[in-house]
Amino acid sequence: MVSLIIFSGVTEPHGDPTPFIVLPLFLMVGLYFTFGRFFMAYHARSLTQYYLTERRAIIRQGIFRRSEQSINLAANSEVRLAKARDGTGTIEFGAGNPFTRMMPRSWEMGMTASRSPAFERIDDPDAVYRQALDLGRGGGAR
């Protein structure tokens, strides 16, 4: 069926140009969902900035529209650390939705409102985690 639609414009000398418009758009969307989303996620992570102050954890992120999220460490109920095999780690602040924790963060596709704020794939996550816990208890900066 698809081959009939694609080749119908090829066989007729003055056929409908729609397949030549639809096919490239279809291929571009398919390639984005297959490969492009990983490049976009990598680019978004490269633009993300994390700050840990005496009172707050701050996350600045966004590709097309920059946003800033601030978490009060003293009022935060929960801090979780998840380490990866490559030595990086993710530190989540707050309880978040238990159902979204079942999925990897890379699958969220626009579900950021239900996720707890996090420092994602950071280097030396153990030191940052300890520092966040100390600052949340009022221990001061190291």
N, C-alpha and C. Protein backbone atom coordinates (compact mmCIF):
# COMPACT_ATOMS: atom_id res chain seq x y z
N MET A 1 0.83 -1.18 0.00
CA MET A 1 0.00 0.00 0.00
C MET A 1 0.88 1.25 0.00
N VAL A 2 1.90 1.26 0.88
CA VAL A 2 2.78 2.43 0.95
C VAL A 2 3.55 2.59 -0.35
N SER A 3 4.01 1.46 -0.91
CA SER A 3 4.76 1.56 -2.16
C SER A 3 3.89 2.08 -3.29
N LEU A 4 2.61 1.76 -3.28
CA LEU A 4 1.70 2.29 -4.30
C LEU A 4 1.57 3.79 -4.18
N ILE A 5 1.49 4.29 -2.96
CA ILE A 5 1.36 5.73 -2.76
C ILE A 5 2.66 6.43 -3.17
N ILE A 6 3.79 5.85 -2.82
CA ILE A 6 5.07 6.49 -3.12
C ILE A 6 5.34 6.48 -4.62
N PHE A 7 5.12 5.34 -5.26
CA PHE A 7 5.47 5.23 -6.66
C PHE A 7 4.37 5.72 -7.61
N SER A 8 3.20 6.05 -7.10
CA SER A 8 2.16 6.55 -7.99
C SER A 8 2.57 7.88 -8.61
N GLY A 9 3.27 8.69 -7.88
CA GLY A 9 3.74 9.96 -8.43
C GLY A 9 4.90 9.78 -9.37
N VAL A 10 5.65 8.70 -9.24
CA VAL A 10 6.81 8.45 -10.09
C VAL A 10 6.36 7.95 -11.46
N THR A 11 5.34 7.09 -11.48
CA THR A 11 4.92 6.49 -12.74
C THR A 11 4.16 7.46 -13.63
N GLU A 12 3.45 8.40 -13.04
CA GLU A 12 2.71 9.37 -13.84
C GLU A 12 3.59 10.59 -14.08
N PRO A 13 3.72 11.06 -15.31
CA PRO A 13 4.61 12.18 -15.58
C PRO A 13 4.18 13.48 -14.89
N HIS A 14 2.90 13.71 -14.77
CA HIS A 14 2.42 14.93 -14.11
C HIS A 14 1.52 14.55 -12.94
N GLY A 15 1.97 13.61 -12.14
CA GLY A 15 1.18 13.08 -11.04
C GLY A 15 1.14 14.03 -9.86
N ASP A 16 0.44 13.59 -8.86
CA ASP A 16 0.27 14.36 -7.63
C ASP A 16 1.61 14.44 -6.89
N PRO A 17 2.08 15.64 -6.53
CA PRO A 17 3.37 15.76 -5.82
C PRO A 17 3.27 15.47 -4.33
N THR A 18 2.09 15.14 -3.81
CA THR A 18 1.90 14.93 -2.38
C THR A 18 2.83 13.87 -1.80
N PRO A 19 3.03 12.71 -2.47
CA PRO A 19 3.95 11.73 -1.88
C PRO A 19 5.37 12.26 -1.70
N PHE A 20 5.78 13.18 -2.53
CA PHE A 20 7.14 13.74 -2.41
C PHE A 20 7.23 14.75 -1.27
N ILE A 21 6.10 15.19 -0.78
CA ILE A 21 6.07 16.09 0.37
C ILE A 21 5.86 15.28 1.65
N VAL A 22 4.92 14.34 1.60
CA VAL A 22 4.57 13.56 2.78
C VAL A 22 5.69 12.61 3.18
N LEU A 23 6.29 11.93 2.23
CA LEU A 23 7.33 10.96 2.54
C LEU A 23 8.53 11.57 3.28
N PRO A 24 9.09 12.70 2.81
CA PRO A 24 10.20 13.29 3.58
C PRO A 24 9.79 13.73 4.98
N LEU A 25 8.59 14.27 5.14
CA LEU A 25 8.13 14.66 6.47
C LEU A 25 7.98 13.44 7.38
N PHE A 26 7.41 12.38 6.83
CA PHE A 26 7.26 11.14 7.59
C PHE A 26 8.62 10.58 7.99
N LEU A 27 9.56 10.60 7.09
CA LEU A 27 10.91 10.11 7.39
C LEU A 27 11.60 10.98 8.43
N MET A 28 11.44 12.29 8.35
CA MET A 28 12.08 13.19 9.33
C MET A 28 11.51 12.96 10.72
N VAL A 29 10.20 12.80 10.84
CA VAL A 29 9.60 12.54 12.15
C VAL A 29 10.07 11.18 12.68
N GLY A 30 10.11 10.18 11.82
CA GLY A 30 10.58 8.86 12.24
C GLY A 30 12.03 8.87 12.68
N LEU A 31 12.88 9.59 11.95
CA LEU A 31 14.29 9.69 12.33
C LEU A 31 14.46 10.44 13.65
N TYR A 32 13.63 11.47 13.86
CA TYR A 32 13.72 12.19 15.13
C TYR A 32 13.39 11.26 16.29
N PHE A 33 12.27 10.52 16.18
CA PHE A 33 11.89 9.64 17.28
C PHE A 33 12.85 8.47 17.45
N THR A 34 13.53 8.08 16.39
CA THR A 34 14.49 6.98 16.49
C THR A 34 15.84 7.44 17.03
N PHE A 35 16.37 8.56 16.49
CA PHE A 35 17.71 9.01 16.86
C PHE A 35 17.75 10.42 17.43
N GLY A 36 17.00 11.31 16.87
CA GLY A 36 17.11 12.73 17.18
C GLY A 36 16.81 13.10 18.62
N ARG A 37 15.88 12.38 19.24
CA ARG A 37 15.53 12.73 20.63
C ARG A 37 16.71 12.52 21.57
N PHE A 38 17.60 11.57 21.24
CA PHE A 38 18.77 11.36 22.08
C PHE A 38 19.75 12.53 21.96
N PHE A 39 19.90 13.05 20.74
CA PHE A 39 20.76 14.22 20.54
C PHE A 39 20.17 15.45 21.21
N MET A 40 18.84 15.60 21.14
CA MET A 40 18.19 16.74 21.80
C MET A 40 18.34 16.64 23.32
N ALA A 41 18.20 15.44 23.88
CA ALA A 41 18.36 15.26 25.32
C ALA A 41 19.80 15.55 25.74
N TYR A 42 20.76 15.11 24.94
CA TYR A 42 22.17 15.40 25.22
C TYR A 42 22.43 16.90 25.18
N HIS A 43 21.88 17.57 24.17
CA HIS A 43 22.06 19.02 24.04
C HIS A 43 21.40 19.75 25.22
N ALA A 44 20.21 19.31 25.62
CA ALA A 44 19.53 19.93 26.76
C ALA A 44 20.34 19.75 28.03
N ARG A 45 20.91 18.56 28.24
CA ARG A 45 21.74 18.33 29.43
C ARG A 45 23.00 19.17 29.41
N SER A 46 23.55 19.40 28.22
CA SER A 46 24.78 20.20 28.14
C SER A 46 24.50 21.67 28.48
N LEU A 47 23.28 22.13 28.31
CA LEU A 47 22.92 23.51 28.64
C LEU A 47 22.41 23.66 30.07
N THR A 48 22.17 22.56 30.76
CA THR A 48 21.63 22.61 32.12
C THR A 48 22.74 22.97 33.10
N GLN A 49 22.40 23.86 34.04
CA GLN A 49 23.35 24.28 35.07
C GLN A 49 22.77 23.96 36.44
N TYR A 50 23.61 23.44 37.33
CA TYR A 50 23.20 23.10 38.69
C TYR A 50 24.02 23.91 39.68
N TYR A 51 23.33 24.44 40.69
CA TYR A 51 23.98 25.22 41.75
C TYR A 51 23.52 24.70 43.09
N LEU A 52 24.43 24.63 44.03
CA LEU A 52 24.11 24.25 45.40
C LEU A 52 24.60 25.36 46.30
N THR A 53 23.68 26.11 46.90
CA THR A 53 24.03 27.20 47.80
C THR A 53 23.82 26.73 49.24
N GLU A 54 24.00 27.64 50.19
CA GLU A 54 23.81 27.28 51.59
C GLU A 54 22.36 26.94 51.92
N ARG A 55 21.42 27.48 51.15
CA ARG A 55 20.00 27.27 51.45
C ARG A 55 19.24 26.54 50.35
N ARG A 56 19.72 26.60 49.14
CA ARG A 56 18.93 26.13 48.00
C ARG A 56 19.74 25.29 47.02
N ALA A 57 19.02 24.45 46.32
CA ALA A 57 19.54 23.78 45.13
C ALA A 57 18.83 24.44 43.95
N ILE A 58 19.58 24.90 42.97
CA ILE A 58 19.02 25.65 41.84
C ILE A 58 19.34 24.90 40.55
N ILE A 59 18.32 24.77 39.70
CA ILE A 59 18.47 24.09 38.40
C ILE A 59 18.04 25.07 37.32
N ARG A 60 18.95 25.38 36.41
CA ARG A 60 18.64 26.23 35.24
C ARG A 60 18.73 25.35 34.01
N GLN A 61 17.63 25.31 33.24
CA GLN A 61 17.60 24.41 32.08
C GLN A 61 16.72 24.96 30.98
N GLY A 62 16.79 24.32 29.83
CA GLY A 62 15.94 24.66 28.70
C GLY A 62 16.74 24.91 27.44
N ILE A 63 16.19 24.48 26.31
CA ILE A 63 16.83 24.71 25.02
C ILE A 63 16.26 25.97 24.38
N PHE A 64 14.96 26.00 24.22
CA PHE A 64 14.32 27.11 23.53
C PHE A 64 13.82 28.17 24.51
N ARG A 65 13.43 27.76 25.71
CA ARG A 65 12.98 28.68 26.74
C ARG A 65 13.67 28.29 28.04
N ARG A 66 14.48 29.17 28.57
CA ARG A 66 15.22 28.89 29.80
C ARG A 66 14.28 28.99 31.00
N SER A 67 14.46 28.08 31.94
CA SER A 67 13.68 28.11 33.18
C SER A 67 14.61 27.87 34.36
N GLU A 68 14.17 28.30 35.51
CA GLU A 68 14.96 28.12 36.73
C GLU A 68 14.06 27.54 37.81
N GLN A 69 14.58 26.53 38.50
CA GLN A 69 13.85 25.88 39.57
C GLN A 69 14.70 25.95 40.83
N SER A 70 14.09 26.32 41.94
CA SER A 70 14.81 26.46 43.19
C SER A 70 14.17 25.57 44.24
N ILE A 71 15.00 24.82 44.96
CA ILE A 71 14.53 23.90 45.98
C ILE A 71 15.11 24.32 47.32
N ASN A 72 14.25 24.57 48.29
CA ASN A 72 14.68 24.92 49.64
C ASN A 72 15.18 23.64 50.31
N LEU A 73 16.47 23.58 50.63
CA LEU A 73 17.06 22.36 51.19
C LEU A 73 16.57 22.07 52.60
N ALA A 74 16.33 23.10 53.41
CA ALA A 74 15.88 22.89 54.78
C ALA A 74 14.45 22.35 54.82
N ALA A 75 13.61 22.78 53.89
CA ALA A 75 12.21 22.35 53.87
C ALA A 75 12.01 21.08 53.04
N ASN A 76 13.05 20.62 52.39
CA ASN A 76 12.94 19.44 51.52
C ASN A 76 12.79 18.18 52.37
N SER A 77 11.83 17.35 52.01
CA SER A 77 11.56 16.16 52.82
C SER A 77 12.45 14.97 52.47
N GLU A 78 12.96 14.93 51.25
CA GLU A 78 13.67 13.73 50.83
C GLU A 78 14.74 14.08 49.79
N VAL A 79 15.89 13.44 49.92
CA VAL A 79 16.97 13.56 48.93
C VAL A 79 17.42 12.14 48.59
N ARG A 80 17.37 11.79 47.30
CA ARG A 80 17.73 10.43 46.87
C ARG A 80 18.90 10.49 45.89
N LEU A 81 19.75 9.49 45.96
CA LEU A 81 20.90 9.37 45.06
C LEU A 81 20.78 8.06 44.28
N ALA A 82 20.92 8.15 42.97
CA ALA A 82 20.97 6.97 42.10
C ALA A 82 22.25 7.08 41.28
N LYS A 83 23.13 6.06 41.42
CA LYS A 83 24.41 6.11 40.72
C LYS A 83 24.37 5.21 39.50
N ALA A 84 25.07 5.66 38.45
CA ALA A 84 25.19 4.88 37.21
C ALA A 84 26.52 4.14 37.20
N ARG A 85 26.66 3.22 36.29
CA ARG A 85 27.90 2.44 36.18
C ARG A 85 29.09 3.28 35.75
N ASP A 86 28.83 4.37 35.04
CA ASP A 86 29.94 5.19 34.53
C ASP A 86 30.47 6.17 35.56
N GLY A 87 29.97 6.13 36.80
CA GLY A 87 30.46 7.01 37.85
C GLY A 87 29.65 8.27 38.04
N THR A 88 28.74 8.57 37.12
CA THR A 88 27.87 9.72 37.30
C THR A 88 26.69 9.31 38.16
N GLY A 89 25.88 10.29 38.53
CA GLY A 89 24.72 9.99 39.35
C GLY A 89 23.66 11.05 39.24
N THR A 90 22.47 10.72 39.73
CA THR A 90 21.34 11.63 39.74
C THR A 90 20.88 11.80 41.18
N ILE A 91 20.74 13.05 41.60
CA ILE A 91 20.27 13.37 42.94
C ILE A 91 18.89 14.00 42.80
N GLU A 92 17.87 13.35 43.39
CA GLU A 92 16.50 13.85 43.32
C GLU A 92 16.14 14.51 44.64
N PHE A 93 15.48 15.64 44.54
CA PHE A 93 15.05 16.41 45.71
C PHE A 93 13.53 16.32 45.81
N GLY A 94 13.02 15.81 46.91
CA GLY A 94 11.58 15.73 47.11
C GLY A 94 11.05 14.36 46.78
N ALA A 95 9.82 14.11 47.24
CA ALA A 95 9.22 12.79 47.08
C ALA A 95 8.81 12.51 45.64
N GLY A 96 8.21 13.46 44.97
CA GLY A 96 7.78 13.25 43.59
C GLY A 96 6.63 12.26 43.50
N ASN A 97 6.24 11.94 42.30
CA ASN A 97 5.16 11.01 42.04
C ASN A 97 5.73 9.60 42.00
N PRO A 98 5.20 8.66 42.79
CA PRO A 98 5.78 7.31 42.82
C PRO A 98 5.63 6.57 41.48
N PHE A 99 4.64 6.91 40.68
CA PHE A 99 4.45 6.22 39.41
C PHE A 99 5.48 6.65 38.37
N THR A 100 5.92 7.90 38.43
CA THR A 100 6.93 8.34 37.46
C THR A 100 8.31 7.82 37.82
N ARG A 101 8.51 7.37 39.06
CA ARG A 101 9.80 6.80 39.43
C ARG A 101 10.02 5.43 38.81
N MET A 102 8.97 4.81 38.30
CA MET A 102 9.10 3.50 37.68
C MET A 102 9.74 3.59 36.29
N MET A 103 9.70 4.77 35.69
CA MET A 103 10.26 4.95 34.35
C MET A 103 11.61 5.64 34.45
N PRO A 104 12.52 5.32 33.54
CA PRO A 104 13.77 6.09 33.49
C PRO A 104 13.48 7.54 33.14
N ARG A 105 14.31 8.45 33.63
CA ARG A 105 14.09 9.87 33.36
C ARG A 105 14.16 10.18 31.87
N SER A 106 14.86 9.38 31.09
CA SER A 106 14.97 9.64 29.66
C SER A 106 13.68 9.36 28.91
N TRP A 107 12.71 8.68 29.54
CA TRP A 107 11.45 8.36 28.88
C TRP A 107 10.38 9.40 29.13
N GLU A 108 10.66 10.42 29.89
CA GLU A 108 9.59 11.29 30.38
C GLU A 108 8.86 12.06 29.29
N MET A 109 9.51 12.52 28.24
CA MET A 109 8.88 13.19 27.10
C MET A 109 7.78 14.17 27.53
N GLY A 110 8.15 15.22 28.23
CA GLY A 110 7.20 16.26 28.60
C GLY A 110 6.50 16.05 29.93
N MET A 111 6.91 15.06 30.71
CA MET A 111 6.26 14.80 31.99
C MET A 111 7.04 15.43 33.14
N THR A 112 7.75 16.51 32.89
CA THR A 112 8.62 17.07 33.91
C THR A 112 7.85 17.64 35.08
N ALA A 113 6.57 18.01 34.89
CA ALA A 113 5.79 18.58 35.99
C ALA A 113 5.58 17.57 37.11
N SER A 114 5.51 16.28 36.78
CA SER A 114 5.25 15.27 37.80
C SER A 114 6.54 14.68 38.38
N ARG A 115 7.69 15.02 37.81
CA ARG A 115 8.96 14.51 38.31
C ARG A 115 9.48 15.42 39.41
N SER A 116 10.20 14.83 40.34
CA SER A 116 10.83 15.67 41.36
C SER A 116 12.07 16.31 40.73
N PRO A 117 12.42 17.52 41.18
CA PRO A 117 13.61 18.18 40.63
C PRO A 117 14.85 17.35 40.92
N ALA A 118 15.81 17.38 39.99
CA ALA A 118 16.99 16.53 40.15
C ALA A 118 18.20 17.14 39.49
N PHE A 119 19.35 16.84 40.07
CA PHE A 119 20.64 17.07 39.42
C PHE A 119 20.93 15.79 38.65
N GLU A 120 20.82 15.83 37.34
CA GLU A 120 20.91 14.61 36.53
C GLU A 120 22.32 14.38 35.98
N ARG A 121 22.77 13.14 36.09
CA ARG A 121 24.04 12.68 35.52
C ARG A 121 25.21 13.60 35.84
N ILE A 122 25.37 13.87 37.12
CA ILE A 122 26.46 14.74 37.54
C ILE A 122 27.69 13.92 37.91
N ASP A 123 28.85 14.54 37.81
CA ASP A 123 30.10 13.90 38.22
C ASP A 123 30.22 13.98 39.74
N ASP A 124 30.87 13.02 40.33
CA ASP A 124 31.09 12.93 41.78
C ASP A 124 29.79 13.10 42.56
N PRO A 125 28.82 12.24 42.30
CA PRO A 125 27.51 12.41 42.95
C PRO A 125 27.54 12.18 44.46
N ASP A 126 28.47 11.35 44.94
CA ASP A 126 28.54 11.08 46.38
C ASP A 126 28.86 12.35 47.17
N ALA A 127 29.82 13.13 46.69
CA ALA A 127 30.21 14.36 47.39
C ALA A 127 29.08 15.39 47.35
N VAL A 128 28.43 15.52 46.22
CA VAL A 128 27.32 16.48 46.11
C VAL A 128 26.15 16.04 46.98
N TYR A 129 25.89 14.74 47.02
CA TYR A 129 24.81 14.20 47.85
C TYR A 129 25.07 14.48 49.34
N ARG A 130 26.30 14.18 49.79
CA ARG A 130 26.64 14.46 51.20
C ARG A 130 26.52 15.95 51.51
N GLN A 131 26.98 16.78 50.57
CA GLN A 131 26.90 18.22 50.79
C GLN A 131 25.45 18.69 50.84
N ALA A 132 24.59 18.15 49.98
CA ALA A 132 23.17 18.53 50.00
C ALA A 132 22.51 18.11 51.31
N LEU A 133 22.86 16.92 51.81
CA LEU A 133 22.31 16.47 53.09
C LEU A 133 22.79 17.36 54.23
N ASP A 134 24.07 17.70 54.25
CA ASP A 134 24.61 18.57 55.30
C ASP A 134 23.97 19.95 55.26
N LEU A 135 23.80 20.50 54.08
CA LEU A 135 23.20 21.82 53.96
C LEU A 135 21.72 21.78 54.34
N GLY A 136 21.04 20.70 54.04
CA GLY A 136 19.63 20.56 54.40
C GLY A 136 19.43 20.47 55.90
N ARG A 137 20.41 19.93 56.60
CA ARG A 137 20.34 19.85 58.07
C ARG A 137 20.83 21.11 58.75
N GLY A 138 21.28 22.07 57.93
CA GLY A 138 21.80 23.31 58.50
C GLY A 138 23.26 23.23 58.84
N GLY A 139 24.00 22.31 58.18
CA GLY A 139 25.41 22.10 58.48
C GLY A 139 26.35 23.13 57.85
N GLY A 140 25.85 23.93 56.93
CA GLY A 140 26.73 24.92 56.29
C GLY A 140 27.50 24.33 55.14
N ALA A 141 28.15 25.20 54.39
CA ALA A 141 28.90 24.79 53.19
C ALA A 141 30.27 24.26 53.58
N ARG A 142 30.78 23.36 52.77
CA ARG A 142 32.13 22.85 52.98
C ARG A 142 33.10 23.53 52.08
